[in-house]
Amino acid sequence: MLALVDTGLRGAAIALFLLIALATLRQGRSQPAARLGALLSLGAAAYAICSTPGHAAHRSFWLAPILVLCTGNIVVFWLFARAVFDERFRPSVWHGLLWLAFAIWPLVWLAGVDFTDLSLVPIALRLGAIVLAVLVLVQTVKDWRGDLVEGRRRLRLFIVVASVLHTAITGSVDLSIGPEHVPPWLHAVNAAALATIAAVIAAVLLHANLEAVIAPPVAPPAPADPEEEPPSPALLAKLERLMTVERIYRGEGLTIGALANRLELSERRLRQVINQGLGHRNFSDYVNRHRLADARQALADPAQAAVPIVTIALDSGFQSLGPFNRAFKAESGMTPTEFRRTSAKTSPEGSPNPESARR
């Protein structure tokens, strides 16, 4: 009876994960997060097969695609988390090589290599999976309060944290007692957890605008809740005054809570105002955009040509030079030093640069 329950739960999980993969690709179009999400769902379906009791005893080459998807899925999971929560992230060649480092071992095993001669390989793979699961958790909680997309804030808590816990627990069980000695009831619990995760994700997808969650909109999005009051012009003007006239972003450690207090709003309401009224999806990016505009004006001002770049960075609200340089290069495509040099060449000697007018 326990075996039948296990098989039924796994079958349901596989079907749901395949549907999730199709829905993700359909709603997310060509976004990296959508492609990685679909691949993650396929890997989860493959894992439901790979973790079946007694599966490890079979060496059939027709299982190769399933085993590859299963083993490499923890890397896909990490890449998916980065793509969803960091919109500047793009997969690179070394990410593919990392995936290959995990995915190649099932092919080695199918080729007849005895892992008893490579005893460190299974342990390294399991430890690597746990490390990547922890990295996913770090990516999830990092800048959680600054996420302005309400749907993404709700979705990622269950999708990522539940999956991280599942990965960490199963990895710990494998390391402590070994995959060959897992009792049948624990396999059934694993199957139930997979089916539950798949069912909740599938239910959420039926009601969520996935494209708005994983893809930056071309215009400020409409309110997710029809009962939410859209940001008023007066409120947007008050926020604009704080940022462009009072330059509150120059203050040390500006948080969304501190800004909400200045506007006498709840944090949730302020997120809605910035996201739906101005089209920004992350609070740090919103604040840094003002800081970088401030810094560009100073760097382009001939009267401040002798001011050290670190002073300009700190005056603009950055806490140190490193984050400033990275943010400036990401937005402008050049370093602050290169920007200052270019501005000096294009500005008439001895005349103030137009960008310095606001200063």
Protein backbone atom coordinates (compact mmCIF):
# COMPACT_ATOMS: atom_id res chain seq x y z
CA MET A 1 0.00 0.00 0.00
CA LEU A 2 2.83 2.40 0.87
CA ALA A 3 4.46 1.70 -2.49
CA LEU A 4 1.19 2.47 -4.32
CA VAL A 5 0.78 5.74 -2.43
CA ASP A 6 4.38 6.67 -3.24
CA THR A 7 3.89 5.91 -6.94
CA GLY A 8 0.63 7.85 -7.12
CA LEU A 9 2.09 10.93 -5.45
CA ARG A 10 5.11 10.89 -7.72
CA GLY A 11 2.94 10.55 -10.81
CA ALA A 12 0.84 13.53 -9.72
CA ALA A 13 3.96 15.59 -8.99
CA ILE A 14 5.46 14.77 -12.40
CA ALA A 15 2.28 15.78 -14.24
CA LEU A 16 2.01 19.04 -12.32
CA PHE A 17 5.66 19.96 -12.83
CA LEU A 18 5.32 19.39 -16.57
CA LEU A 19 2.26 21.67 -16.63
CA ILE A 20 4.16 24.28 -14.63
CA ALA A 21 7.00 24.18 -17.17
CA LEU A 22 4.58 24.81 -20.04
CA ALA A 23 2.75 27.58 -18.17
CA THR A 24 6.01 29.29 -17.22
CA LEU A 25 7.27 29.36 -20.79
CA ARG A 26 3.91 30.54 -22.07
CA GLN A 27 3.53 33.41 -19.59
CA GLY A 28 7.16 34.43 -19.28
CA ARG A 29 7.94 34.43 -22.99
CA SER A 30 11.67 34.79 -23.61
CA GLN A 31 12.81 36.03 -20.19
CA PRO A 32 15.82 34.18 -18.70
CA ALA A 33 13.88 33.57 -15.49
CA ALA A 34 11.06 31.94 -17.46
CA ARG A 35 13.40 29.63 -19.35
CA LEU A 36 15.22 28.70 -16.16
CA GLY A 37 11.91 28.22 -14.36
CA ALA A 38 10.70 25.83 -17.04
CA LEU A 39 13.98 23.92 -16.88
CA LEU A 40 13.73 23.85 -13.09
CA SER A 41 10.25 22.32 -13.32
CA LEU A 42 11.49 19.68 -15.76
CA GLY A 43 14.33 18.90 -13.37
CA ALA A 44 11.86 18.58 -10.50
CA ALA A 45 9.82 16.11 -12.56
CA ALA A 46 13.04 14.21 -13.29
CA TYR A 47 13.88 14.19 -9.58
CA ALA A 48 10.50 12.64 -8.81
CA ILE A 49 11.61 9.73 -11.02
CA CYS A 50 15.23 9.59 -9.85
CA SER A 51 14.27 9.47 -6.17
CA THR A 52 11.93 6.50 -6.65
CA PRO A 53 12.90 3.60 -4.32
CA GLY A 54 15.17 1.14 -6.12
CA HIS A 55 15.80 3.48 -9.03
CA ALA A 56 19.54 3.68 -8.32
CA ALA A 57 19.96 0.01 -9.21
CA HIS A 58 19.06 0.52 -12.88
CA ARG A 59 21.73 1.41 -15.44
CA SER A 60 19.81 2.10 -18.63
CA PHE A 61 21.00 4.67 -21.13
CA TRP A 62 17.43 5.73 -21.87
CA LEU A 63 17.45 7.20 -18.37
CA ALA A 64 20.39 9.47 -19.23
CA PRO A 65 18.34 12.66 -19.97
CA ILE A 66 16.33 12.17 -16.78
CA LEU A 67 19.44 11.61 -14.67
CA VAL A 68 21.21 14.61 -16.19
CA LEU A 69 18.20 16.87 -15.53
CA CYS A 70 17.92 15.54 -12.00
CA THR A 71 21.58 15.93 -11.02
CA GLY A 72 22.07 19.35 -12.60
CA ASN A 73 18.82 20.78 -11.28
CA ILE A 74 20.31 22.26 -8.12
CA VAL A 75 22.47 24.51 -10.32
CA VAL A 76 19.38 25.48 -12.34
CA PHE A 77 17.60 26.21 -9.06
CA TRP A 78 20.34 28.62 -8.01
CA LEU A 79 20.40 30.32 -11.42
CA PHE A 80 16.60 30.62 -11.38
CA ALA A 81 16.68 32.35 -7.98
CA ARG A 82 19.31 34.79 -9.21
CA ALA A 83 17.38 35.53 -12.41
CA VAL A 84 14.12 36.16 -10.55
CA PHE A 85 15.51 38.30 -7.74
CA ASP A 86 18.28 40.12 -9.60
CA GLU A 87 17.00 41.53 -12.87
CA ARG A 88 20.52 42.43 -14.00
CA PHE A 89 21.61 38.80 -13.85
CA ARG A 90 22.26 36.96 -17.09
CA PRO A 91 23.53 33.36 -17.32
CA SER A 92 27.08 33.06 -18.62
CA VAL A 93 29.40 30.34 -19.89
CA TRP A 94 30.79 29.54 -16.46
CA HIS A 95 27.27 28.91 -15.17
CA GLY A 96 26.89 26.31 -17.91
CA LEU A 97 30.20 24.75 -16.92
CA LEU A 98 29.03 24.56 -13.30
CA TRP A 99 25.86 22.80 -14.43
CA LEU A 100 27.97 20.40 -16.51
CA ALA A 101 30.17 19.64 -13.47
CA PHE A 102 27.07 18.27 -11.73
CA ALA A 103 25.25 16.80 -14.71
CA ILE A 104 28.11 14.76 -16.19
CA TRP A 105 28.36 12.25 -13.34
CA PRO A 106 25.22 10.24 -14.21
CA LEU A 107 26.71 9.68 -17.68
CA VAL A 108 29.96 8.50 -16.08
CA TRP A 109 27.95 6.14 -13.87
CA LEU A 110 25.93 4.83 -16.84
CA ALA A 111 29.20 4.19 -18.66
CA GLY A 112 30.01 1.62 -15.98
CA VAL A 113 32.44 3.56 -13.78
CA ASP A 114 32.29 2.28 -10.21
CA PHE A 115 31.88 5.17 -7.79
CA THR A 116 33.49 3.10 -5.04
CA ASP A 117 36.76 3.97 -6.75
CA LEU A 118 35.71 7.64 -6.67
CA SER A 119 34.25 7.71 -3.19
CA LEU A 120 34.63 11.46 -2.82
CA VAL A 121 32.47 12.25 -5.86
CA PRO A 122 29.03 11.44 -4.34
CA ILE A 123 29.94 13.27 -1.14
CA ALA A 124 31.18 16.30 -3.10
CA LEU A 125 27.98 16.39 -5.17
CA ARG A 126 25.75 16.25 -2.08
CA LEU A 127 27.77 18.88 -0.25
CA GLY A 128 27.71 21.04 -3.37
CA ALA A 129 23.93 20.70 -3.55
CA ILE A 130 23.59 21.83 0.06
CA VAL A 131 25.90 24.81 -0.54
CA LEU A 132 23.89 25.88 -3.59
CA ALA A 133 20.64 25.49 -1.63
CA VAL A 134 22.03 27.81 1.03
CA LEU A 135 23.03 30.30 -1.67
CA VAL A 136 19.47 30.21 -2.98
CA LEU A 137 18.19 31.00 0.51
CA VAL A 138 20.64 33.91 0.80
CA GLN A 139 19.52 35.23 -2.58
CA THR A 140 15.91 34.97 -1.45
CA VAL A 141 16.20 36.92 1.79
CA LYS A 142 18.68 39.49 0.46
CA ASP A 143 16.94 42.81 -0.07
CA TRP A 144 13.59 41.17 0.72
CA ARG A 145 12.14 44.39 2.10
CA GLY A 146 13.29 46.33 -0.94
CA ASP A 147 11.38 44.18 -3.42
CA LEU A 148 8.64 46.43 -4.81
CA VAL A 149 6.78 43.74 -6.80
CA GLU A 150 4.13 42.45 -4.42
CA GLY A 151 3.42 39.32 -6.46
CA ARG A 152 7.09 38.40 -6.46
CA ARG A 153 7.33 38.95 -2.70
CA ARG A 154 4.46 36.50 -2.12
CA LEU A 155 5.51 33.90 -4.67
CA ARG A 156 9.15 33.55 -3.83
CA LEU A 157 8.62 32.82 -0.14
CA PHE A 158 6.91 29.51 -0.81
CA ILE A 159 8.49 28.52 -4.12
CA VAL A 160 12.08 29.10 -3.03
CA VAL A 161 12.11 28.56 0.73
CA ALA A 162 10.05 25.36 0.54
CA SER A 163 12.29 24.04 -2.21
CA VAL A 164 15.44 25.03 -0.32
CA LEU A 165 14.25 23.22 2.80
CA HIS A 166 13.36 20.16 0.73
CA THR A 167 16.79 20.14 -0.93
CA ALA A 168 18.64 20.68 2.34
CA ILE A 169 16.70 17.97 4.18
CA THR A 170 17.02 15.34 1.46
CA GLY A 171 20.71 16.16 1.06
CA SER A 172 21.27 15.82 4.79
CA VAL A 173 19.43 12.48 4.84
CA ASP A 174 21.55 11.18 1.96
CA LEU A 175 24.74 12.25 3.71
CA SER A 176 23.78 10.79 7.09
CA ILE A 177 22.24 7.42 6.15
CA GLY A 178 22.92 7.12 2.41
CA PRO A 179 20.38 6.99 -0.44
CA GLU A 180 20.39 3.19 -0.43
CA HIS A 181 19.19 2.99 3.19
CA VAL A 182 16.30 5.46 3.17
CA PRO A 183 13.23 3.73 4.68
CA PRO A 184 10.08 3.40 2.51
CA TRP A 185 8.02 5.74 4.69
CA LEU A 186 10.58 8.51 4.18
CA HIS A 187 10.38 8.00 0.42
CA ALA A 188 6.60 8.42 0.68
CA VAL A 189 7.03 11.62 2.70
CA ASN A 190 9.43 12.89 0.04
CA ALA A 191 6.88 12.12 -2.68
CA ALA A 192 4.14 13.88 -0.69
CA ALA A 193 6.34 16.95 -0.28
CA LEU A 194 7.03 17.05 -4.02
CA ALA A 195 3.34 16.72 -4.85
CA THR A 196 2.42 19.44 -2.36
CA ILE A 197 5.02 21.87 -3.71
CA ALA A 198 3.90 21.22 -7.28
CA ALA A 199 0.21 21.60 -6.39
CA VAL A 200 0.69 24.93 -4.62
CA ILE A 201 2.85 26.34 -7.42
CA ALA A 202 0.32 25.20 -10.03
CA ALA A 203 -2.55 26.79 -8.07
CA VAL A 204 -0.65 30.07 -7.73
CA LEU A 205 0.13 30.15 -11.44
CA LEU A 206 -3.58 29.97 -12.21
CA HIS A 207 -4.09 33.32 -10.46
CA ALA A 208 -0.76 35.08 -10.96
CA ASN A 209 0.45 37.33 -13.73
CA LEU A 210 3.77 35.53 -14.02
CA GLU A 211 5.06 37.85 -16.71
CA ALA A 212 4.69 40.83 -14.34
CA VAL A 213 6.61 38.94 -11.66
CA ILE A 214 9.63 37.83 -13.69
CA ALA A 215 9.67 40.33 -16.58
CA PRO A 216 10.21 44.10 -16.18
CA PRO A 217 7.16 45.89 -17.65
CA VAL A 218 7.54 48.51 -20.36
CA ALA A 219 5.23 50.82 -18.38
CA PRO A 220 4.17 51.13 -14.73
CA PRO A 221 1.99 48.10 -13.99
CA ALA A 222 -1.68 48.24 -13.12
CA PRO A 223 -2.63 47.58 -9.49
CA ALA A 224 -2.53 43.87 -8.65
CA ASP A 225 -5.55 44.33 -6.40
CA PRO A 226 -8.48 46.18 -8.06
CA GLU A 227 -9.43 47.57 -4.62
CA GLU A 228 -6.05 49.26 -4.17
CA GLU A 229 -6.13 53.02 -4.65
CA PRO A 230 -3.76 54.09 -7.43
CA PRO A 231 -1.03 56.55 -6.39
CA SER A 232 -2.36 60.12 -6.48
CA PRO A 233 -0.46 62.87 -8.34
CA ALA A 234 -0.10 64.74 -5.03
CA LEU A 235 1.52 61.73 -3.36
CA LEU A 236 3.87 61.18 -6.29
CA ALA A 237 4.78 64.87 -6.24
CA LYS A 238 5.53 64.68 -2.50
CA LEU A 239 7.78 61.68 -3.07
CA GLU A 240 9.49 63.43 -5.98
CA ARG A 241 10.15 66.49 -3.83
CA LEU A 242 11.76 64.38 -1.11
CA MET A 243 14.05 62.74 -3.65
CA THR A 244 14.94 65.60 -6.00
CA VAL A 245 14.70 68.70 -3.79
CA GLU A 246 15.44 67.49 -0.25
CA ARG A 247 17.66 64.71 -1.62
CA ILE A 248 16.78 62.35 1.18
CA TYR A 249 18.74 59.64 -0.63
CA ARG A 250 21.96 61.30 0.58
CA GLY A 251 21.19 60.25 4.13
CA GLU A 252 23.09 57.30 5.54
CA GLY A 253 21.32 53.95 5.22
CA LEU A 254 18.04 55.15 3.72
CA THR A 255 15.52 52.31 4.01
CA ILE A 256 12.05 51.88 2.65
CA GLY A 257 10.76 52.04 6.23
CA ALA A 258 12.43 55.42 6.85
CA LEU A 259 11.07 56.83 3.59
CA ALA A 260 7.60 55.49 4.39
CA ASN A 261 7.72 57.25 7.77
CA ARG A 262 8.60 60.56 6.09
CA LEU A 263 5.60 60.15 3.80
CA GLU A 264 3.39 58.86 6.65
CA LEU A 265 2.64 55.69 4.68
CA SER A 266 2.90 51.98 5.38
CA GLU A 267 5.79 50.16 3.73
CA ARG A 268 3.35 48.15 1.63
CA ARG A 269 1.68 51.31 0.36
CA LEU A 270 5.03 52.92 -0.47
CA ARG A 271 6.07 49.82 -2.43
CA GLN A 272 2.86 50.11 -4.42
CA VAL A 273 3.44 53.84 -5.05
CA ILE A 274 7.00 53.37 -6.35
CA ASN A 275 6.20 50.22 -8.33
CA GLN A 276 2.85 51.13 -9.84
CA GLY A 277 3.27 54.89 -9.91
CA LEU A 278 6.87 55.07 -11.15
CA GLY A 279 7.51 51.60 -12.60
CA HIS A 280 10.46 50.65 -10.38
CA ARG A 281 10.75 47.04 -9.18
CA ASN A 282 13.45 47.33 -6.52
CA PHE A 283 13.90 49.99 -3.83
CA SER A 284 17.70 49.95 -3.91
CA ASP A 285 17.69 50.46 -7.68
CA TYR A 286 15.21 53.31 -7.31
CA VAL A 287 17.33 55.09 -4.70
CA ASN A 288 20.60 54.40 -6.53
CA ARG A 289 19.20 55.94 -9.69
CA HIS A 290 18.92 59.26 -7.85
CA ARG A 291 22.34 58.82 -6.26
CA LEU A 292 23.97 58.08 -9.59
CA ALA A 293 22.32 61.10 -11.24
CA ASP A 294 23.71 63.21 -8.40
CA ALA A 295 27.17 61.73 -8.89
CA ARG A 296 27.10 62.23 -12.65
CA GLN A 297 26.32 65.91 -12.18
CA ALA A 298 29.26 66.30 -9.84
CA LEU A 299 31.65 64.38 -12.09
CA ALA A 300 30.62 66.46 -15.11
CA ASP A 301 31.05 69.77 -13.24
CA PRO A 302 34.41 71.42 -14.14
CA ALA A 303 34.30 73.28 -10.83
CA GLN A 304 34.53 69.91 -9.02
CA ALA A 305 37.26 68.41 -11.17
CA ALA A 306 39.64 68.25 -8.20
CA VAL A 307 37.11 66.64 -5.83
CA PRO A 308 38.07 62.98 -5.21
CA ILE A 309 35.68 60.43 -6.64
CA VAL A 310 35.29 58.79 -3.24
CA THR A 311 34.05 62.11 -1.82
CA ILE A 312 31.49 62.41 -4.61
CA ALA A 313 30.36 58.84 -3.99
CA LEU A 314 29.88 59.44 -0.26
CA ASP A 315 28.18 62.79 -0.79
CA SER A 316 25.73 61.10 -3.17
CA GLY A 317 24.66 58.62 -0.51
CA PHE A 318 26.82 55.57 -1.23
CA GLN A 319 28.43 54.00 1.81
CA SER A 320 31.72 53.08 0.12
CA LEU A 321 33.56 53.38 -3.17
CA GLY A 322 33.22 49.74 -4.30
CA PRO A 323 29.39 49.61 -4.58
CA PHE A 324 29.43 53.06 -6.19
CA ASN A 325 31.91 52.01 -8.87
CA ARG A 326 29.96 48.83 -9.65
CA ALA A 327 26.60 50.63 -9.83
CA PHE A 328 28.05 53.46 -11.94
CA LYS A 329 29.69 51.06 -14.40
CA ALA A 330 26.51 48.97 -14.67
CA GLU A 331 24.37 52.01 -15.50
CA SER A 332 26.77 54.16 -17.53
CA GLY A 333 28.92 51.52 -19.19
CA MET A 334 32.07 53.29 -17.99
CA THR A 335 33.90 53.90 -14.74
CA PRO A 336 33.48 57.21 -12.87
CA THR A 337 37.02 58.18 -13.89
CA GLU A 338 36.25 57.52 -17.57
CA PHE A 339 32.98 59.44 -17.31
CA ARG A 340 34.73 62.45 -15.73
CA ARG A 341 37.44 62.38 -18.42
CA THR A 342 34.86 62.16 -21.23
CA SER A 343 32.80 64.98 -19.74
CA ALA A 344 35.88 67.19 -19.46
CA LYS A 345 36.63 66.68 -23.16
CA THR A 346 33.09 67.52 -24.30
CA SER A 347 32.56 70.56 -22.03
CA PRO A 348 33.90 73.97 -23.08
CA GLU A 349 36.95 74.81 -20.98
CA GLY A 350 36.17 77.14 -18.16
CA SER A 351 32.38 77.05 -18.63
CA PRO A 352 30.10 75.17 -16.29
CA ASN A 353 28.67 71.89 -17.58
CA PRO A 354 24.86 71.96 -17.99
CA GLU A 355 24.61 68.88 -15.79
CA SER A 356 25.89 70.90 -12.85
CA ALA A 357 22.94 73.29 -12.88
CA ARG A 358 21.02 71.47 -10.20
CA ARG A 359 24.00 71.64 -7.85
